[in-house]
Amino acid sequence: TILIADFIMSTDNVIGVAGASDGHIGLLVFGLILSMAILMFLGNLLADLINKYWWLAYFGAAVIAWTGADLVFKDPVTLSHLPELSLTIERSVSVAITISVLLFAHWFHRVREKN
């Protein structure tokens, strides 16, 4: 089970870095090297920082949600099914998705535990 979870998380990391690099090979290589260094050398420190500064987890979730929303609007399948959207609409939907993710995370970790 741990091996499967590790494989899925590694694949997710590669896909996330590839999406965030937006086709720029230099950013892709930098992102993969940085993420491997963080996981190998700074994982425990990062976990301690997130435990101490809880808002870092929300910041990370916001970055992931924003990147995911941005990728949806750049996907060829999405582009073929939606008319050309203005940048204002794309950004508004990205903001709404990011805020929704943050509200769900807050509810899941703070509000739900109290009930």
N, C-alpha and C. Protein backbone atom coordinates (compact mmCIF):
# COMPACT_ATOMS: atom_id res chain seq x y z
N THR A 1 0.82 -1.19 0.00
CA THR A 1 0.00 0.00 0.00
C THR A 1 0.87 1.26 0.00
N ILE A 2 1.94 1.23 0.78
CA ILE A 2 2.83 2.40 0.83
C ILE A 2 3.50 2.61 -0.51
N LEU A 3 3.91 1.52 -1.16
CA LEU A 3 4.55 1.65 -2.47
C LEU A 3 3.61 2.25 -3.51
N ILE A 4 2.36 1.85 -3.48
CA ILE A 4 1.37 2.39 -4.43
C ILE A 4 1.14 3.87 -4.15
N ALA A 5 0.98 4.23 -2.90
CA ALA A 5 0.78 5.63 -2.55
C ALA A 5 2.01 6.46 -2.94
N ASP A 6 3.20 5.92 -2.70
CA ASP A 6 4.43 6.62 -3.06
C ASP A 6 4.52 6.83 -4.57
N PHE A 7 4.16 5.81 -5.33
CA PHE A 7 4.19 5.91 -6.79
C PHE A 7 3.19 6.96 -7.28
N ILE A 8 1.99 6.94 -6.73
CA ILE A 8 0.96 7.89 -7.15
C ILE A 8 1.37 9.32 -6.79
N MET A 9 1.93 9.50 -5.60
CA MET A 9 2.35 10.85 -5.20
C MET A 9 3.51 11.34 -6.07
N SER A 10 4.43 10.44 -6.43
CA SER A 10 5.54 10.84 -7.30
C SER A 10 5.03 11.21 -8.68
N THR A 11 4.11 10.42 -9.21
CA THR A 11 3.53 10.73 -10.52
C THR A 11 2.77 12.04 -10.48
N ASP A 12 2.03 12.27 -9.42
CA ASP A 12 1.31 13.52 -9.25
C ASP A 12 2.27 14.70 -9.19
N ASN A 13 3.38 14.52 -8.52
CA ASN A 13 4.38 15.58 -8.42
C ASN A 13 4.96 15.92 -9.79
N VAL A 14 5.28 14.91 -10.58
CA VAL A 14 5.83 15.14 -11.91
C VAL A 14 4.81 15.85 -12.80
N ILE A 15 3.57 15.42 -12.75
CA ILE A 15 2.52 16.04 -13.56
C ILE A 15 2.30 17.49 -13.12
N GLY A 16 2.30 17.73 -11.82
CA GLY A 16 2.12 19.09 -11.32
C GLY A 16 3.25 20.02 -11.74
N VAL A 17 4.48 19.55 -11.64
CA VAL A 17 5.62 20.37 -12.04
C VAL A 17 5.60 20.60 -13.55
N ALA A 18 5.25 19.55 -14.30
CA ALA A 18 5.17 19.70 -15.76
C ALA A 18 4.11 20.72 -16.14
N GLY A 19 2.98 20.69 -15.48
CA GLY A 19 1.92 21.66 -15.77
C GLY A 19 2.31 23.07 -15.38
N ALA A 20 2.95 23.21 -14.24
CA ALA A 20 3.35 24.54 -13.78
C ALA A 20 4.46 25.13 -14.64
N SER A 21 5.27 24.27 -15.28
CA SER A 21 6.36 24.79 -16.11
C SER A 21 5.86 25.36 -17.43
N ASP A 22 4.63 25.03 -17.79
CA ASP A 22 3.99 25.59 -18.98
C ASP A 22 4.83 25.38 -20.25
N GLY A 23 5.44 24.19 -20.36
CA GLY A 23 6.19 23.85 -21.55
C GLY A 23 7.62 24.35 -21.59
N HIS A 24 8.06 25.05 -20.57
CA HIS A 24 9.42 25.57 -20.51
C HIS A 24 10.32 24.50 -19.89
N ILE A 25 11.24 23.94 -20.69
CA ILE A 25 12.07 22.83 -20.24
C ILE A 25 12.94 23.22 -19.04
N GLY A 26 13.50 24.42 -19.05
CA GLY A 26 14.33 24.86 -17.93
C GLY A 26 13.56 24.88 -16.62
N LEU A 27 12.32 25.39 -16.65
CA LEU A 27 11.48 25.39 -15.45
C LEU A 27 11.11 23.98 -15.02
N LEU A 28 10.87 23.11 -15.99
CA LEU A 28 10.54 21.72 -15.68
C LEU A 28 11.69 21.05 -14.94
N VAL A 29 12.89 21.17 -15.47
CA VAL A 29 14.06 20.55 -14.83
C VAL A 29 14.29 21.17 -13.45
N PHE A 30 14.23 22.50 -13.37
CA PHE A 30 14.41 23.16 -12.08
C PHE A 30 13.36 22.69 -11.07
N GLY A 31 12.10 22.62 -11.49
CA GLY A 31 11.03 22.20 -10.59
C GLY A 31 11.20 20.78 -10.11
N LEU A 32 11.60 19.88 -11.01
CA LEU A 32 11.80 18.48 -10.60
C LEU A 32 12.98 18.34 -9.65
N ILE A 33 14.08 19.04 -9.94
CA ILE A 33 15.24 18.98 -9.04
C ILE A 33 14.89 19.58 -7.68
N LEU A 34 14.20 20.73 -7.69
CA LEU A 34 13.82 21.37 -6.43
C LEU A 34 12.87 20.48 -5.62
N SER A 35 11.90 19.89 -6.28
CA SER A 35 10.94 19.05 -5.54
C SER A 35 11.62 17.80 -4.99
N MET A 36 12.57 17.22 -5.73
CA MET A 36 13.30 16.06 -5.20
C MET A 36 14.15 16.47 -4.01
N ALA A 37 14.80 17.63 -4.10
CA ALA A 37 15.62 18.10 -2.98
C ALA A 37 14.76 18.36 -1.75
N ILE A 38 13.60 18.95 -1.96
CA ILE A 38 12.70 19.21 -0.83
C ILE A 38 12.26 17.90 -0.19
N LEU A 39 11.87 16.93 -1.01
CA LEU A 39 11.42 15.66 -0.46
C LEU A 39 12.54 14.91 0.25
N MET A 40 13.74 14.94 -0.33
CA MET A 40 14.83 14.14 0.23
C MET A 40 15.46 14.80 1.45
N PHE A 41 15.68 16.10 1.39
CA PHE A 41 16.46 16.75 2.44
C PHE A 41 15.64 17.63 3.38
N LEU A 42 14.55 18.15 2.90
CA LEU A 42 13.82 19.12 3.69
C LEU A 42 12.41 18.67 4.08
N GLY A 43 12.08 17.41 3.83
CA GLY A 43 10.73 16.93 4.11
C GLY A 43 10.34 17.08 5.57
N ASN A 44 11.23 16.68 6.47
CA ASN A 44 10.94 16.77 7.89
C ASN A 44 10.84 18.23 8.34
N LEU A 45 11.74 19.07 7.83
CA LEU A 45 11.70 20.48 8.17
C LEU A 45 10.42 21.13 7.67
N LEU A 46 10.03 20.78 6.44
CA LEU A 46 8.81 21.33 5.88
C LEU A 46 7.58 20.89 6.68
N ALA A 47 7.57 19.62 7.10
CA ALA A 47 6.45 19.14 7.93
C ALA A 47 6.40 19.89 9.26
N ASP A 48 7.55 20.14 9.86
CA ASP A 48 7.59 20.90 11.11
C ASP A 48 7.10 22.34 10.91
N LEU A 49 7.50 22.95 9.79
CA LEU A 49 7.05 24.32 9.49
C LEU A 49 5.53 24.36 9.29
N ILE A 50 4.99 23.37 8.59
CA ILE A 50 3.54 23.35 8.35
C ILE A 50 2.79 23.13 9.67
N ASN A 51 3.36 22.31 10.55
CA ASN A 51 2.73 22.13 11.86
C ASN A 51 2.78 23.41 12.68
N LYS A 52 3.87 24.16 12.56
CA LYS A 52 4.01 25.40 13.32
C LYS A 52 3.22 26.54 12.69
N TYR A 53 3.31 26.67 11.37
CA TYR A 53 2.63 27.73 10.64
C TYR A 53 1.56 27.08 9.74
N TRP A 54 0.39 26.85 10.28
CA TRP A 54 -0.67 26.12 9.60
C TRP A 54 -1.07 26.75 8.28
N TRP A 55 -0.89 28.06 8.15
CA TRP A 55 -1.32 28.77 6.95
C TRP A 55 -0.47 28.38 5.74
N LEU A 56 0.71 27.79 5.95
CA LEU A 56 1.52 27.32 4.82
C LEU A 56 0.80 26.22 4.04
N ALA A 57 0.05 25.38 4.75
CA ALA A 57 -0.71 24.32 4.07
C ALA A 57 -1.79 24.94 3.18
N TYR A 58 -2.42 25.99 3.67
CA TYR A 58 -3.44 26.67 2.86
C TYR A 58 -2.80 27.36 1.66
N PHE A 59 -1.64 27.95 1.85
CA PHE A 59 -0.93 28.59 0.74
C PHE A 59 -0.59 27.56 -0.33
N GLY A 60 -0.08 26.41 0.09
CA GLY A 60 0.23 25.34 -0.86
C GLY A 60 -1.00 24.84 -1.58
N ALA A 61 -2.10 24.69 -0.86
CA ALA A 61 -3.35 24.26 -1.49
C ALA A 61 -3.84 25.29 -2.50
N ALA A 62 -3.68 26.57 -2.17
CA ALA A 62 -4.09 27.63 -3.10
C ALA A 62 -3.26 27.60 -4.38
N VAL A 63 -1.96 27.39 -4.24
CA VAL A 63 -1.09 27.32 -5.42
C VAL A 63 -1.48 26.13 -6.30
N ILE A 64 -1.73 24.99 -5.69
CA ILE A 64 -2.11 23.80 -6.45
C ILE A 64 -3.47 24.01 -7.12
N ALA A 65 -4.43 24.58 -6.41
CA ALA A 65 -5.76 24.82 -6.99
C ALA A 65 -5.68 25.80 -8.14
N TRP A 66 -4.93 26.87 -7.97
CA TRP A 66 -4.79 27.88 -9.02
C TRP A 66 -4.14 27.26 -10.27
N THR A 67 -3.07 26.49 -10.06
CA THR A 67 -2.38 25.84 -11.19
C THR A 67 -3.31 24.86 -11.89
N GLY A 68 -4.08 24.10 -11.13
CA GLY A 68 -5.02 23.16 -11.73
C GLY A 68 -6.10 23.86 -12.54
N ALA A 69 -6.64 24.93 -12.00
CA ALA A 69 -7.66 25.69 -12.74
C ALA A 69 -7.08 26.28 -14.01
N ASP A 70 -5.85 26.78 -13.93
CA ASP A 70 -5.18 27.34 -15.10
C ASP A 70 -4.96 26.27 -16.16
N LEU A 71 -4.60 25.06 -15.72
CA LEU A 71 -4.39 23.96 -16.67
C LEU A 71 -5.68 23.56 -17.38
N VAL A 72 -6.79 23.63 -16.67
CA VAL A 72 -8.08 23.29 -17.28
C VAL A 72 -8.37 24.22 -18.46
N PHE A 73 -8.08 25.50 -18.29
CA PHE A 73 -8.37 26.46 -19.36
C PHE A 73 -7.39 26.36 -20.53
N LYS A 74 -6.25 25.72 -20.33
CA LYS A 74 -5.28 25.54 -21.41
C LYS A 74 -5.38 24.18 -22.07
N ASP A 75 -6.21 23.30 -21.54
CA ASP A 75 -6.33 21.94 -22.07
C ASP A 75 -7.01 21.97 -23.43
N PRO A 76 -6.48 21.22 -24.40
CA PRO A 76 -7.08 21.22 -25.74
C PRO A 76 -8.54 20.75 -25.76
N VAL A 77 -8.89 19.80 -24.91
CA VAL A 77 -10.28 19.32 -24.88
C VAL A 77 -11.20 20.42 -24.39
N THR A 78 -10.78 21.13 -23.35
CA THR A 78 -11.58 22.25 -22.85
C THR A 78 -11.72 23.33 -23.91
N LEU A 79 -10.61 23.64 -24.57
CA LEU A 79 -10.64 24.67 -25.60
C LEU A 79 -11.54 24.30 -26.77
N SER A 80 -11.63 23.00 -27.06
CA SER A 80 -12.47 22.59 -28.18
C SER A 80 -13.96 22.60 -27.84
N HIS A 81 -14.30 22.54 -26.54
CA HIS A 81 -15.71 22.50 -26.13
C HIS A 81 -16.25 23.84 -25.65
N LEU A 82 -15.37 24.75 -25.28
CA LEU A 82 -15.82 26.05 -24.80
C LEU A 82 -15.48 27.12 -25.83
N PRO A 83 -16.33 28.10 -25.94
CA PRO A 83 -15.97 29.22 -26.81
C PRO A 83 -14.79 29.97 -26.21
N GLU A 84 -14.19 30.81 -27.00
CA GLU A 84 -13.06 31.61 -26.52
C GLU A 84 -13.52 32.46 -25.33
N LEU A 85 -12.92 32.22 -24.18
CA LEU A 85 -13.29 32.96 -22.97
C LEU A 85 -12.31 34.11 -22.77
N SER A 86 -12.82 35.18 -22.23
CA SER A 86 -11.95 36.32 -21.95
C SER A 86 -11.05 35.99 -20.76
N LEU A 87 -9.96 36.69 -20.66
CA LEU A 87 -9.03 36.48 -19.56
C LEU A 87 -9.70 36.78 -18.22
N THR A 88 -10.61 37.74 -18.22
CA THR A 88 -11.33 38.10 -16.98
C THR A 88 -12.18 36.93 -16.49
N ILE A 89 -12.86 36.26 -17.40
CA ILE A 89 -13.69 35.11 -17.01
C ILE A 89 -12.81 33.96 -16.53
N GLU A 90 -11.72 33.69 -17.24
CA GLU A 90 -10.82 32.62 -16.83
C GLU A 90 -10.26 32.88 -15.43
N ARG A 91 -9.82 34.10 -15.18
CA ARG A 91 -9.26 34.43 -13.87
C ARG A 91 -10.33 34.40 -12.78
N SER A 92 -11.53 34.85 -13.11
CA SER A 92 -12.63 34.82 -12.12
C SER A 92 -12.97 33.39 -11.73
N VAL A 93 -13.02 32.50 -12.70
CA VAL A 93 -13.31 31.10 -12.40
C VAL A 93 -12.15 30.49 -11.61
N SER A 94 -10.91 30.84 -11.97
CA SER A 94 -9.75 30.33 -11.23
C SER A 94 -9.78 30.80 -9.78
N VAL A 95 -10.14 32.05 -9.56
CA VAL A 95 -10.27 32.57 -8.19
C VAL A 95 -11.37 31.83 -7.44
N ALA A 96 -12.50 31.60 -8.10
CA ALA A 96 -13.62 30.89 -7.46
C ALA A 96 -13.22 29.46 -7.09
N ILE A 97 -12.51 28.79 -7.97
CA ILE A 97 -12.05 27.42 -7.69
C ILE A 97 -11.08 27.42 -6.52
N THR A 98 -10.14 28.35 -6.53
CA THR A 98 -9.14 28.42 -5.47
C THR A 98 -9.80 28.71 -4.12
N ILE A 99 -10.71 29.65 -4.08
CA ILE A 99 -11.41 29.97 -2.83
C ILE A 99 -12.25 28.77 -2.38
N SER A 100 -12.89 28.08 -3.31
CA SER A 100 -13.69 26.91 -2.96
C SER A 100 -12.83 25.82 -2.33
N VAL A 101 -11.65 25.59 -2.90
CA VAL A 101 -10.73 24.59 -2.34
C VAL A 101 -10.31 24.98 -0.93
N LEU A 102 -9.98 26.26 -0.74
CA LEU A 102 -9.56 26.72 0.58
C LEU A 102 -10.69 26.62 1.61
N LEU A 103 -11.90 26.96 1.20
CA LEU A 103 -13.05 26.84 2.12
C LEU A 103 -13.31 25.39 2.47
N PHE A 104 -13.22 24.50 1.48
CA PHE A 104 -13.42 23.08 1.77
C PHE A 104 -12.33 22.56 2.70
N ALA A 105 -11.08 22.95 2.46
CA ALA A 105 -9.99 22.51 3.33
C ALA A 105 -10.21 23.02 4.75
N HIS A 106 -10.62 24.26 4.88
CA HIS A 106 -10.89 24.81 6.21
C HIS A 106 -12.01 24.04 6.89
N TRP A 107 -13.09 23.79 6.17
CA TRP A 107 -14.20 23.04 6.75
C TRP A 107 -13.75 21.64 7.14
N PHE A 108 -13.00 20.99 6.26
CA PHE A 108 -12.60 19.60 6.49
C PHE A 108 -11.69 19.46 7.71
N HIS A 109 -10.78 20.40 7.89
CA HIS A 109 -9.80 20.27 8.96
C HIS A 109 -10.15 21.01 10.24
N ARG A 110 -11.00 22.00 10.17
CA ARG A 110 -11.29 22.79 11.38
C ARG A 110 -12.74 22.61 11.87
N VAL A 111 -13.68 22.82 10.97
CA VAL A 111 -15.09 22.82 11.37
C VAL A 111 -15.60 21.40 11.57
N ARG A 112 -15.30 20.50 10.66
CA ARG A 112 -15.80 19.14 10.72
C ARG A 112 -15.33 18.42 11.98
N GLU A 113 -14.09 18.68 12.41
CA GLU A 113 -13.56 18.01 13.59
C GLU A 113 -14.29 18.39 14.87
N LYS A 114 -14.87 19.57 14.91
CA LYS A 114 -15.57 20.03 16.11
C LYS A 114 -16.94 19.37 16.25
N ASN A 115 -17.51 18.92 15.14
CA ASN A 115 -18.85 18.32 15.18
C ASN A 115 -18.80 16.88 15.52
